């Protein structure tokens, strides 16, 4: 599985079916499993994949070093082009208080709005529901795609355009730090 993209591959529910099938076929080539175990194997792969990525970050990434220094020394098990993308991604991790662009789940290239991260605490409630793991609370300040549906609508809020000035829950994987935050000043 070394040829899978480290920074972009997902094994969970957002992973494309073709990638899941490829991963499962690779596991079946190397190990003796019956097809009835596919769900368990994919779940196990998902957890191990996340753990491995966390280990790579913990052991090889230093947020205090400049990007240029870290790019030139990839770990043995990570391809140089993947390492470069990971370093850029990890240096861009959004934190509470950061201005961000939040992206569409249907098309993660499109920003649907701009706002500020208010919380990343899984126990924070937005619209009466806890955020949970891998979600953040964003205060919407500038809608870009007004008709984009909220992933967790509540009250009268159904679209990004409805949510101006209010908190929404959004998956942290679809939130990108906005270094050009002059629109908020």
N, C-alpha and C. Protein backbone atom coordinates (compact mmCIF):
# COMPACT_ATOMS: atom_id res chain seq x y z
N UNK A 1 0.82 -1.19 0.00
CA UNK A 1 0.00 0.00 0.00
C UNK A 1 0.86 1.25 0.00
N UNK A 2 2.14 1.09 -0.22
CA UNK A 2 3.05 2.22 -0.23
C UNK A 2 2.78 3.18 -1.37
N UNK A 3 2.10 2.71 -2.40
CA UNK A 3 1.82 3.60 -3.53
C UNK A 3 0.55 4.41 -3.34
N UNK A 4 -0.16 4.23 -2.23
CA UNK A 4 -1.34 5.02 -1.94
C UNK A 4 -0.89 6.41 -1.47
N UNK A 5 -1.63 7.43 -1.82
CA UNK A 5 -1.26 8.79 -1.43
C UNK A 5 -1.45 8.97 0.06
N UNK A 6 -0.36 9.24 0.78
CA UNK A 6 -0.39 9.36 2.23
C UNK A 6 -1.28 10.51 2.69
N UNK A 7 -1.16 11.65 2.06
CA UNK A 7 -1.87 12.82 2.56
C UNK A 7 -3.34 12.85 2.18
N UNK A 8 -3.73 12.15 1.14
CA UNK A 8 -5.10 12.29 0.67
C UNK A 8 -5.93 11.03 0.75
N UNK A 9 -5.31 9.90 0.98
CA UNK A 9 -6.06 8.65 0.98
C UNK A 9 -6.86 8.51 2.26
N UNK A 10 -8.12 8.14 2.11
CA UNK A 10 -8.98 7.87 3.26
C UNK A 10 -9.50 6.45 3.10
N UNK A 11 -9.69 5.78 4.22
CA UNK A 11 -10.23 4.44 4.17
C UNK A 11 -11.66 4.44 4.68
N UNK A 12 -12.05 5.49 5.35
CA UNK A 12 -13.37 5.56 5.97
C UNK A 12 -14.49 5.83 4.98
N UNK A 13 -15.61 6.37 5.47
CA UNK A 13 -16.80 6.54 4.64
C UNK A 13 -16.61 7.50 3.47
N UNK A 14 -15.63 8.42 3.54
CA UNK A 14 -15.44 9.37 2.44
C UNK A 14 -14.50 8.85 1.37
N UNK A 15 -13.96 7.67 1.58
CA UNK A 15 -13.06 7.06 0.60
C UNK A 15 -13.89 6.54 -0.58
N UNK A 16 -13.43 6.78 -1.78
CA UNK A 16 -14.14 6.30 -2.96
C UNK A 16 -14.15 4.78 -2.99
N UNK A 17 -15.23 4.21 -3.47
CA UNK A 17 -15.41 2.75 -3.53
C UNK A 17 -14.26 2.08 -4.28
N UNK A 18 -13.79 2.69 -5.38
CA UNK A 18 -12.73 2.08 -6.18
C UNK A 18 -11.45 1.93 -5.34
N UNK A 19 -11.14 2.90 -4.49
CA UNK A 19 -9.95 2.80 -3.64
C UNK A 19 -10.13 1.72 -2.58
N UNK A 20 -11.34 1.64 -2.02
CA UNK A 20 -11.60 0.59 -1.02
C UNK A 20 -11.43 -0.78 -1.66
N UNK A 21 -11.96 -0.95 -2.87
CA UNK A 21 -11.85 -2.23 -3.56
C UNK A 21 -10.39 -2.56 -3.86
N UNK A 22 -9.61 -1.55 -4.28
CA UNK A 22 -8.19 -1.77 -4.56
C UNK A 22 -7.44 -2.19 -3.30
N UNK A 23 -7.72 -1.50 -2.18
CA UNK A 23 -7.05 -1.84 -0.92
C UNK A 23 -7.42 -3.25 -0.47
N UNK A 24 -8.70 -3.57 -0.58
CA UNK A 24 -9.14 -4.90 -0.16
C UNK A 24 -8.50 -5.99 -1.04
N UNK A 25 -8.41 -5.75 -2.34
CA UNK A 25 -7.78 -6.71 -3.26
C UNK A 25 -6.31 -6.91 -2.89
N UNK A 26 -5.64 -5.84 -2.51
CA UNK A 26 -4.24 -5.93 -2.11
C UNK A 26 -4.09 -6.76 -0.84
N UNK A 27 -4.98 -6.57 0.12
CA UNK A 27 -4.95 -7.35 1.36
C UNK A 27 -5.20 -8.83 1.04
N UNK A 28 -6.15 -9.11 0.17
CA UNK A 28 -6.46 -10.50 -0.19
C UNK A 28 -5.29 -11.19 -0.90
N UNK A 29 -4.47 -10.42 -1.63
CA UNK A 29 -3.29 -10.99 -2.28
C UNK A 29 -2.26 -11.45 -1.26
N UNK A 30 -2.17 -10.74 -0.16
CA UNK A 30 -1.12 -11.00 0.81
C UNK A 30 -1.57 -11.88 1.97
N UNK A 31 -2.87 -11.92 2.24
CA UNK A 31 -3.38 -12.67 3.38
C UNK A 31 -4.57 -13.52 2.96
N UNK A 32 -4.86 -14.53 3.76
CA UNK A 32 -5.95 -15.45 3.45
C UNK A 32 -7.19 -15.06 4.25
N UNK A 33 -8.04 -14.22 3.65
CA UNK A 33 -9.30 -13.79 4.25
C UNK A 33 -10.42 -14.13 3.29
N UNK A 34 -11.60 -14.36 3.83
CA UNK A 34 -12.74 -14.54 2.94
C UNK A 34 -13.41 -13.18 2.72
N UNK A 35 -14.15 -13.07 1.66
CA UNK A 35 -14.78 -11.80 1.29
C UNK A 35 -15.74 -11.29 2.36
N UNK A 36 -16.26 -12.18 3.21
CA UNK A 36 -17.18 -11.78 4.27
C UNK A 36 -16.54 -10.90 5.33
N UNK A 37 -15.23 -10.82 5.33
CA UNK A 37 -14.53 -10.01 6.33
C UNK A 37 -14.18 -8.61 5.80
N UNK A 38 -14.67 -8.26 4.63
CA UNK A 38 -14.28 -7.00 3.99
C UNK A 38 -14.54 -5.79 4.88
N UNK A 39 -15.71 -5.70 5.48
CA UNK A 39 -16.04 -4.54 6.31
C UNK A 39 -15.08 -4.41 7.48
N UNK A 40 -14.81 -5.53 8.16
CA UNK A 40 -13.91 -5.52 9.30
C UNK A 40 -12.50 -5.12 8.87
N UNK A 41 -12.04 -5.66 7.73
CA UNK A 41 -10.69 -5.35 7.25
C UNK A 41 -10.56 -3.87 6.92
N UNK A 42 -11.55 -3.31 6.23
CA UNK A 42 -11.49 -1.89 5.87
C UNK A 42 -11.53 -1.00 7.10
N UNK A 43 -12.32 -1.36 8.10
CA UNK A 43 -12.34 -0.58 9.35
C UNK A 43 -10.99 -0.66 10.05
N UNK A 44 -10.42 -1.85 10.08
CA UNK A 44 -9.12 -2.04 10.70
C UNK A 44 -8.05 -1.23 9.96
N UNK A 45 -8.09 -1.26 8.63
CA UNK A 45 -7.15 -0.47 7.83
C UNK A 45 -7.29 1.02 8.12
N UNK A 46 -8.52 1.47 8.26
CA UNK A 46 -8.76 2.89 8.52
C UNK A 46 -8.09 3.33 9.81
N UNK A 47 -8.27 2.55 10.87
CA UNK A 47 -7.67 2.89 12.16
C UNK A 47 -6.15 2.83 12.08
N UNK A 48 -5.62 1.79 11.47
CA UNK A 48 -4.17 1.65 11.37
C UNK A 48 -3.57 2.76 10.50
N UNK A 49 -4.28 3.15 9.45
CA UNK A 49 -3.81 4.22 8.56
C UNK A 49 -3.72 5.54 9.33
N UNK A 50 -4.76 5.86 10.09
CA UNK A 50 -4.73 7.09 10.89
C UNK A 50 -3.61 7.05 11.91
N UNK A 51 -3.43 5.91 12.57
CA UNK A 51 -2.36 5.78 13.56
C UNK A 51 -0.99 5.93 12.92
N UNK A 52 -0.81 5.35 11.73
CA UNK A 52 0.48 5.45 11.07
C UNK A 52 0.77 6.89 10.66
N UNK A 53 -0.24 7.58 10.12
CA UNK A 53 -0.03 8.98 9.74
C UNK A 53 0.31 9.83 10.97
N UNK A 54 -0.34 9.57 12.10
CA UNK A 54 -0.05 10.30 13.33
C UNK A 54 1.38 10.02 13.80
N UNK A 55 1.82 8.78 13.66
CA UNK A 55 3.19 8.42 14.05
C UNK A 55 4.21 9.12 13.15
N UNK A 56 3.95 9.14 11.85
CA UNK A 56 4.85 9.84 10.92
C UNK A 56 4.96 11.31 11.31
N UNK A 57 3.83 11.94 11.62
CA UNK A 57 3.85 13.35 12.00
C UNK A 57 4.60 13.54 13.31
N UNK A 58 4.30 12.72 14.31
CA UNK A 58 4.93 12.85 15.63
C UNK A 58 6.44 12.69 15.55
N UNK A 59 6.90 11.71 14.77
CA UNK A 59 8.32 11.39 14.73
C UNK A 59 9.14 12.24 13.77
N UNK A 60 8.51 12.87 12.80
CA UNK A 60 9.28 13.52 11.73
C UNK A 60 8.96 14.98 11.48
N UNK A 61 7.94 15.51 12.11
CA UNK A 61 7.51 16.88 11.82
C UNK A 61 7.78 17.79 13.01
N UNK A 62 8.35 18.97 12.73
CA UNK A 62 8.60 19.97 13.76
C UNK A 62 8.02 21.30 13.28
N UNK A 63 6.96 21.75 13.93
CA UNK A 63 6.28 22.97 13.48
C UNK A 63 7.13 24.21 13.65
N UNK A 64 8.21 24.12 14.43
CA UNK A 64 9.08 25.28 14.64
C UNK A 64 10.10 25.46 13.52
N UNK A 65 10.35 24.40 12.76
CA UNK A 65 11.30 24.50 11.65
C UNK A 65 10.60 25.04 10.40
N UNK A 66 11.32 25.81 9.59
CA UNK A 66 10.73 26.30 8.35
C UNK A 66 10.40 25.15 7.39
N UNK A 67 9.41 25.37 6.55
CA UNK A 67 8.99 24.36 5.58
C UNK A 67 10.17 23.92 4.72
N UNK A 68 10.98 24.87 4.26
CA UNK A 68 12.08 24.56 3.35
C UNK A 68 13.06 23.56 3.95
N UNK A 69 13.32 23.64 5.26
CA UNK A 69 14.25 22.71 5.91
C UNK A 69 13.68 21.30 5.97
N UNK A 70 12.40 21.18 6.25
CA UNK A 70 11.79 19.87 6.46
C UNK A 70 11.50 19.13 5.16
N UNK A 71 11.25 19.86 4.10
CA UNK A 71 10.89 19.23 2.82
C UNK A 71 12.01 18.33 2.30
N UNK A 72 13.25 18.69 2.58
CA UNK A 72 14.39 17.97 1.99
C UNK A 72 14.81 16.72 2.75
N UNK A 73 14.09 16.36 3.81
CA UNK A 73 14.47 15.15 4.55
C UNK A 73 13.25 14.27 4.84
N UNK A 74 12.68 13.66 3.79
CA UNK A 74 11.51 12.80 4.01
C UNK A 74 11.90 11.50 4.72
N UNK A 75 10.98 10.95 5.51
CA UNK A 75 11.24 9.64 6.12
C UNK A 75 11.40 8.57 5.03
N UNK A 76 12.05 7.47 5.37
CA UNK A 76 12.32 6.41 4.40
C UNK A 76 11.06 5.86 3.75
N UNK A 77 9.97 5.77 4.50
CA UNK A 77 8.76 5.12 3.99
C UNK A 77 7.78 6.08 3.32
N UNK A 78 8.20 7.33 3.11
CA UNK A 78 7.31 8.33 2.49
C UNK A 78 8.00 8.89 1.25
N UNK A 79 7.28 8.90 0.14
CA UNK A 79 7.84 9.43 -1.10
C UNK A 79 8.04 10.94 -0.97
N UNK A 80 9.07 11.46 -1.65
CA UNK A 80 9.45 12.87 -1.52
C UNK A 80 8.31 13.82 -1.88
N UNK A 81 7.57 13.54 -2.97
CA UNK A 81 6.48 14.44 -3.35
C UNK A 81 5.35 14.41 -2.33
N UNK A 82 5.09 13.23 -1.74
CA UNK A 82 4.07 13.13 -0.70
C UNK A 82 4.51 13.88 0.55
N UNK A 83 5.80 13.76 0.90
CA UNK A 83 6.32 14.42 2.09
C UNK A 83 6.19 15.94 1.95
N UNK A 84 6.48 16.45 0.78
CA UNK A 84 6.37 17.89 0.53
C UNK A 84 4.94 18.37 0.78
N UNK A 85 3.96 17.62 0.27
CA UNK A 85 2.56 17.99 0.46
C UNK A 85 2.15 17.89 1.94
N UNK A 86 2.64 16.86 2.62
CA UNK A 86 2.32 16.70 4.04
C UNK A 86 2.86 17.86 4.87
N UNK A 87 4.10 18.26 4.62
CA UNK A 87 4.70 19.36 5.37
C UNK A 87 3.88 20.64 5.17
N UNK A 88 3.51 20.91 3.93
CA UNK A 88 2.68 22.10 3.65
C UNK A 88 1.34 21.99 4.37
N UNK A 89 0.74 20.81 4.35
CA UNK A 89 -0.56 20.59 4.99
C UNK A 89 -0.45 20.77 6.50
N UNK A 90 0.56 20.15 7.12
CA UNK A 90 0.71 20.23 8.58
C UNK A 90 1.05 21.64 9.04
N UNK A 91 1.80 22.38 8.26
CA UNK A 91 2.10 23.77 8.63
C UNK A 91 0.85 24.63 8.54
N UNK A 92 -0.13 24.18 7.78
CA UNK A 92 -1.35 24.95 7.60
C UNK A 92 -2.47 24.56 8.54
N UNK A 93 -2.19 23.69 9.52
CA UNK A 93 -3.25 23.26 10.44
C UNK A 93 -3.93 24.46 11.09
N UNK A 94 -5.25 24.50 10.97
CA UNK A 94 -6.02 25.60 11.55
C UNK A 94 -6.20 25.38 13.05
N UNK A 95 -6.24 26.48 13.79
CA UNK A 95 -6.42 26.44 15.24
C UNK A 95 -7.56 27.36 15.63
N UNK A 96 -8.01 27.25 16.88
CA UNK A 96 -9.06 28.12 17.39
C UNK A 96 -8.60 29.57 17.24
N UNK A 97 -9.48 30.41 16.72
CA UNK A 97 -9.18 31.82 16.51
C UNK A 97 -8.72 32.14 15.10
N UNK A 98 -8.34 31.13 14.33
CA UNK A 98 -7.87 31.36 12.96
C UNK A 98 -9.04 31.67 12.03
N UNK A 99 -8.76 32.54 11.07
CA UNK A 99 -9.71 32.77 9.98
C UNK A 99 -9.54 31.63 8.98
N UNK A 100 -10.65 31.10 8.50
CA UNK A 100 -10.59 29.91 7.64
C UNK A 100 -11.56 30.02 6.46
N UNK A 101 -11.27 29.22 5.45
CA UNK A 101 -12.22 28.93 4.37
C UNK A 101 -12.76 27.55 4.67
N UNK A 102 -14.07 27.36 4.58
CA UNK A 102 -14.59 26.01 4.74
C UNK A 102 -15.13 25.56 3.40
N UNK A 103 -14.86 24.28 3.11
CA UNK A 103 -15.07 23.74 1.77
C UNK A 103 -16.27 22.82 1.69
N UNK A 104 -16.70 22.59 0.48
CA UNK A 104 -17.86 21.74 0.19
C UNK A 104 -17.49 20.27 0.30
N UNK A 105 -18.39 19.47 0.85
CA UNK A 105 -18.16 18.03 0.90
C UNK A 105 -18.33 17.43 -0.49
N UNK A 106 -19.20 17.99 -1.30
CA UNK A 106 -19.44 17.48 -2.65
C UNK A 106 -18.27 17.79 -3.57
N UNK A 107 -17.66 18.96 -3.40
CA UNK A 107 -16.51 19.36 -4.21
C UNK A 107 -15.51 20.08 -3.31
N UNK A 108 -14.58 19.35 -2.68
CA UNK A 108 -13.68 19.93 -1.69
C UNK A 108 -12.74 21.00 -2.24
N UNK A 109 -12.78 21.26 -3.52
CA UNK A 109 -11.97 22.33 -4.09
C UNK A 109 -12.65 23.68 -3.86
N UNK A 110 -13.98 23.68 -3.83
CA UNK A 110 -14.75 24.91 -3.70
C UNK A 110 -14.90 25.35 -2.25
N UNK A 111 -14.51 26.60 -1.97
CA UNK A 111 -14.80 27.19 -0.66
C UNK A 111 -16.25 27.62 -0.67
N UNK A 112 -16.98 27.29 0.38
CA UNK A 112 -18.39 27.67 0.46
C UNK A 112 -18.59 28.87 1.37
N UNK A 113 -17.57 29.18 2.17
CA UNK A 113 -17.69 30.32 3.06
C UNK A 113 -16.39 30.61 3.77
N UNK A 114 -16.39 31.75 4.46
CA UNK A 114 -15.25 32.17 5.27
C UNK A 114 -15.75 32.44 6.67
N UNK A 115 -14.91 32.17 7.63
CA UNK A 115 -15.30 32.39 9.02
C UNK A 115 -14.12 32.27 9.94
N UNK A 116 -14.44 32.11 11.22
CA UNK A 116 -13.40 32.01 12.24
C UNK A 116 -13.69 30.80 13.12
N UNK A 117 -12.66 30.00 13.40
CA UNK A 117 -12.85 28.82 14.26
C UNK A 117 -13.06 29.28 15.69
N UNK A 118 -14.19 28.86 16.27
CA UNK A 118 -14.52 29.21 17.65
C UNK A 118 -14.17 28.08 18.61
N UNK A 119 -14.25 26.83 18.15
CA UNK A 119 -13.95 25.70 19.03
C UNK A 119 -13.61 24.47 18.22
N UNK A 120 -12.72 23.67 18.80
CA UNK A 120 -12.41 22.35 18.23
C UNK A 120 -12.61 21.28 19.30
N UNK A 121 -13.21 21.67 20.40
CA UNK A 121 -13.49 20.76 21.51
C UNK A 121 -14.68 19.88 21.14
N UNK A 122 -14.50 18.55 21.10
CA UNK A 122 -15.59 17.66 20.70
C UNK A 122 -16.85 17.77 21.55
N UNK A 123 -16.73 18.29 22.79
CA UNK A 123 -17.90 18.40 23.66
C UNK A 123 -18.67 19.70 23.47
N UNK A 124 -18.15 20.62 22.66
CA UNK A 124 -18.86 21.86 22.38
C UNK A 124 -20.15 21.56 21.64
N UNK A 125 -21.23 22.23 22.03
CA UNK A 125 -22.52 22.02 21.37
C UNK A 125 -22.79 23.13 20.36
N UNK A 126 -23.23 22.72 19.20
CA UNK A 126 -23.67 23.65 18.16
C UNK A 126 -25.06 23.18 17.73
N UNK A 127 -26.04 24.01 17.92
CA UNK A 127 -27.41 23.64 17.57
C UNK A 127 -27.95 22.51 18.42
N UNK A 128 -27.47 22.41 19.66
CA UNK A 128 -27.95 21.38 20.58
C UNK A 128 -27.30 20.02 20.40
N UNK A 129 -26.30 19.92 19.52
CA UNK A 129 -25.62 18.65 19.28
C UNK A 129 -24.12 18.84 19.48
N UNK A 130 -23.48 17.90 20.20
CA UNK A 130 -22.04 17.97 20.40
C UNK A 130 -21.31 17.86 19.06
N UNK A 131 -20.19 18.59 18.96
CA UNK A 131 -19.40 18.54 17.72
C UNK A 131 -18.94 17.12 17.42
N UNK A 132 -18.35 16.47 18.40
CA UNK A 132 -17.77 15.15 18.19
C UNK A 132 -16.37 15.28 17.60
N UNK A 133 -15.73 14.15 17.43
CA UNK A 133 -14.36 14.13 16.91
C UNK A 133 -14.34 14.60 15.45
N UNK A 134 -13.28 15.31 15.10
CA UNK A 134 -13.00 15.74 13.72
C UNK A 134 -13.96 16.80 13.19
N UNK A 135 -14.66 17.51 14.09
CA UNK A 135 -15.53 18.61 13.70
C UNK A 135 -15.09 19.86 14.45
N UNK A 136 -15.41 21.02 13.91
CA UNK A 136 -15.11 22.26 14.60
C UNK A 136 -16.32 23.20 14.52
N UNK A 137 -16.32 24.18 15.41
CA UNK A 137 -17.36 25.21 15.40
C UNK A 137 -16.79 26.41 14.66
N UNK A 138 -17.49 26.84 13.64
CA UNK A 138 -17.07 28.00 12.84
C UNK A 138 -18.15 29.06 12.92
N UNK A 139 -17.73 30.30 13.18
CA UNK A 139 -18.66 31.43 13.09
C UNK A 139 -18.58 31.95 11.66
N UNK A 140 -19.67 31.79 10.94
CA UNK A 140 -19.73 32.17 9.52
C UNK A 140 -19.72 33.69 9.42
N UNK A 141 -18.79 34.21 8.59
CA UNK A 141 -18.72 35.65 8.40
C UNK A 141 -18.99 36.06 6.96
N UNK A 142 -18.55 35.26 6.00
CA UNK A 142 -18.77 35.59 4.59
C UNK A 142 -19.19 34.33 3.84
N UNK A 143 -20.46 34.22 3.45
CA UNK A 143 -20.85 33.08 2.61
C UNK A 143 -20.34 33.28 1.19
N UNK A 144 -19.88 32.23 0.58
CA UNK A 144 -19.45 32.29 -0.82
C UNK A 144 -20.48 31.59 -1.69
N UNK A 145 -20.81 30.35 -1.33
CA UNK A 145 -21.90 29.63 -2.01
C UNK A 145 -23.10 29.67 -1.07
N UNK A 146 -23.94 30.65 -1.25
CA UNK A 146 -25.05 30.92 -0.33
C UNK A 146 -25.99 29.74 -0.18
N UNK A 147 -26.20 28.98 -1.25
CA UNK A 147 -27.18 27.89 -1.22
C UNK A 147 -26.59 26.54 -0.78
N UNK A 148 -25.30 26.51 -0.41
CA UNK A 148 -24.69 25.26 0.05
C UNK A 148 -25.37 24.82 1.34
N UNK A 149 -25.83 23.59 1.37
CA UNK A 149 -26.54 23.08 2.55
C UNK A 149 -25.56 22.84 3.70
N UNK A 150 -25.99 23.18 4.90
CA UNK A 150 -25.20 22.89 6.08
C UNK A 150 -25.21 21.38 6.32
N UNK A 151 -24.11 20.86 6.81
CA UNK A 151 -24.04 19.43 7.08
C UNK A 151 -24.85 19.05 8.31
N UNK A 152 -24.97 20.01 9.22
CA UNK A 152 -25.79 19.79 10.42
C UNK A 152 -26.73 20.99 10.59
N UNK A 153 -27.81 21.02 9.82
CA UNK A 153 -28.75 22.13 9.95
C UNK A 153 -29.41 22.12 11.32
N UNK A 154 -29.74 23.30 11.82
CA UNK A 154 -30.45 23.39 13.10
C UNK A 154 -31.26 24.67 13.12
N UNK A 155 -32.31 24.67 13.95
CA UNK A 155 -33.19 25.83 14.01
C UNK A 155 -33.68 26.14 12.61
N UNK A 156 -33.59 27.41 12.22
CA UNK A 156 -34.00 27.80 10.88
C UNK A 156 -32.84 27.82 9.91
N UNK A 157 -31.66 27.37 10.34
CA UNK A 157 -30.47 27.42 9.50
C UNK A 157 -30.37 26.16 8.64
N UNK A 158 -30.43 26.36 7.34
CA UNK A 158 -30.33 25.22 6.43
C UNK A 158 -29.18 25.36 5.43
N UNK A 159 -28.82 26.62 5.10
CA UNK A 159 -27.76 26.87 4.12
C UNK A 159 -26.69 27.78 4.73
N UNK A 160 -25.56 27.85 4.05
CA UNK A 160 -24.47 28.73 4.50
C UNK A 160 -24.96 30.18 4.53
N UNK A 161 -25.77 30.57 3.56
CA UNK A 161 -26.32 31.93 3.52
C UNK A 161 -27.20 32.25 4.71
N UNK A 162 -27.89 31.24 5.26
CA UNK A 162 -28.73 31.44 6.45
C UNK A 162 -27.90 31.67 7.70
N UNK A 163 -26.64 31.22 7.68
CA UNK A 163 -25.83 31.13 8.90
C UNK A 163 -24.90 32.31 9.14
N UNK A 164 -25.06 33.42 8.42
CA UNK A 164 -24.17 34.56 8.63
C UNK A 164 -24.24 35.00 10.09
N UNK A 165 -23.05 35.11 10.71
CA UNK A 165 -22.96 35.59 12.09
C UNK A 165 -23.30 34.56 13.14
N UNK A 166 -23.55 33.33 12.74
CA UNK A 166 -23.91 32.29 13.71
C UNK A 166 -22.92 31.13 13.62
N UNK A 167 -22.85 30.33 14.69
CA UNK A 167 -21.94 29.18 14.66
C UNK A 167 -22.55 28.01 13.89
N UNK A 168 -21.68 27.29 13.19
CA UNK A 168 -22.08 26.05 12.52
C UNK A 168 -21.04 24.98 12.85
N UNK A 169 -21.42 23.72 12.69
CA UNK A 169 -20.48 22.61 12.82
C UNK A 169 -20.01 22.24 11.42
N UNK A 170 -18.68 22.04 11.27
CA UNK A 170 -18.13 21.69 9.97
C UNK A 170 -16.98 20.71 10.17
N UNK A 171 -16.82 19.72 9.28
CA UNK A 171 -15.71 18.77 9.43
C UNK A 171 -14.36 19.48 9.30
N UNK A 172 -13.48 19.24 10.23
CA UNK A 172 -12.18 19.92 10.23
C UNK A 172 -11.37 19.58 8.98
N UNK A 173 -11.63 18.42 8.38
CA UNK A 173 -10.90 18.03 7.16
C UNK A 173 -11.26 18.93 5.98
N UNK A 174 -12.37 19.67 6.08
CA UNK A 174 -12.80 20.56 5.00
C UNK A 174 -12.60 22.03 5.37
N UNK A 175 -11.70 22.28 6.33
CA UNK A 175 -11.42 23.64 6.78
C UNK A 175 -9.95 23.94 6.49
N UNK A 176 -9.70 25.08 5.83
CA UNK A 176 -8.35 25.47 5.45
C UNK A 176 -8.07 26.85 6.01
N UNK A 177 -6.93 26.99 6.65
CA UNK A 177 -6.53 28.28 7.21
C UNK A 177 -6.45 29.32 6.10
N UNK A 178 -6.98 30.50 6.36
CA UNK A 178 -7.00 31.58 5.38
C UNK A 178 -5.96 32.61 5.78
N UNK A 179 -4.82 32.60 5.10
CA UNK A 179 -3.75 33.54 5.44
C UNK A 179 -4.07 34.95 5.00
N UNK A 180 -4.99 35.10 4.07
CA UNK A 180 -5.40 36.41 3.58
C UNK A 180 -6.69 36.81 4.28
N UNK A 181 -6.59 37.11 5.58
CA UNK A 181 -7.79 37.36 6.38
C UNK A 181 -8.16 38.84 6.44
N UNK A 182 -7.66 39.65 5.52
CA UNK A 182 -7.96 41.07 5.55
C UNK A 182 -9.45 41.34 5.34
N UNK A 183 -10.18 40.39 4.79
CA UNK A 183 -11.62 40.58 4.58
C UNK A 183 -12.36 40.70 5.90
N UNK A 184 -11.75 40.27 7.00
CA UNK A 184 -12.42 40.27 8.29
C UNK A 184 -12.14 41.54 9.10
N UNK A 185 -11.12 42.30 8.74
CA UNK A 185 -10.72 43.45 9.56
C UNK A 185 -11.69 44.60 9.51
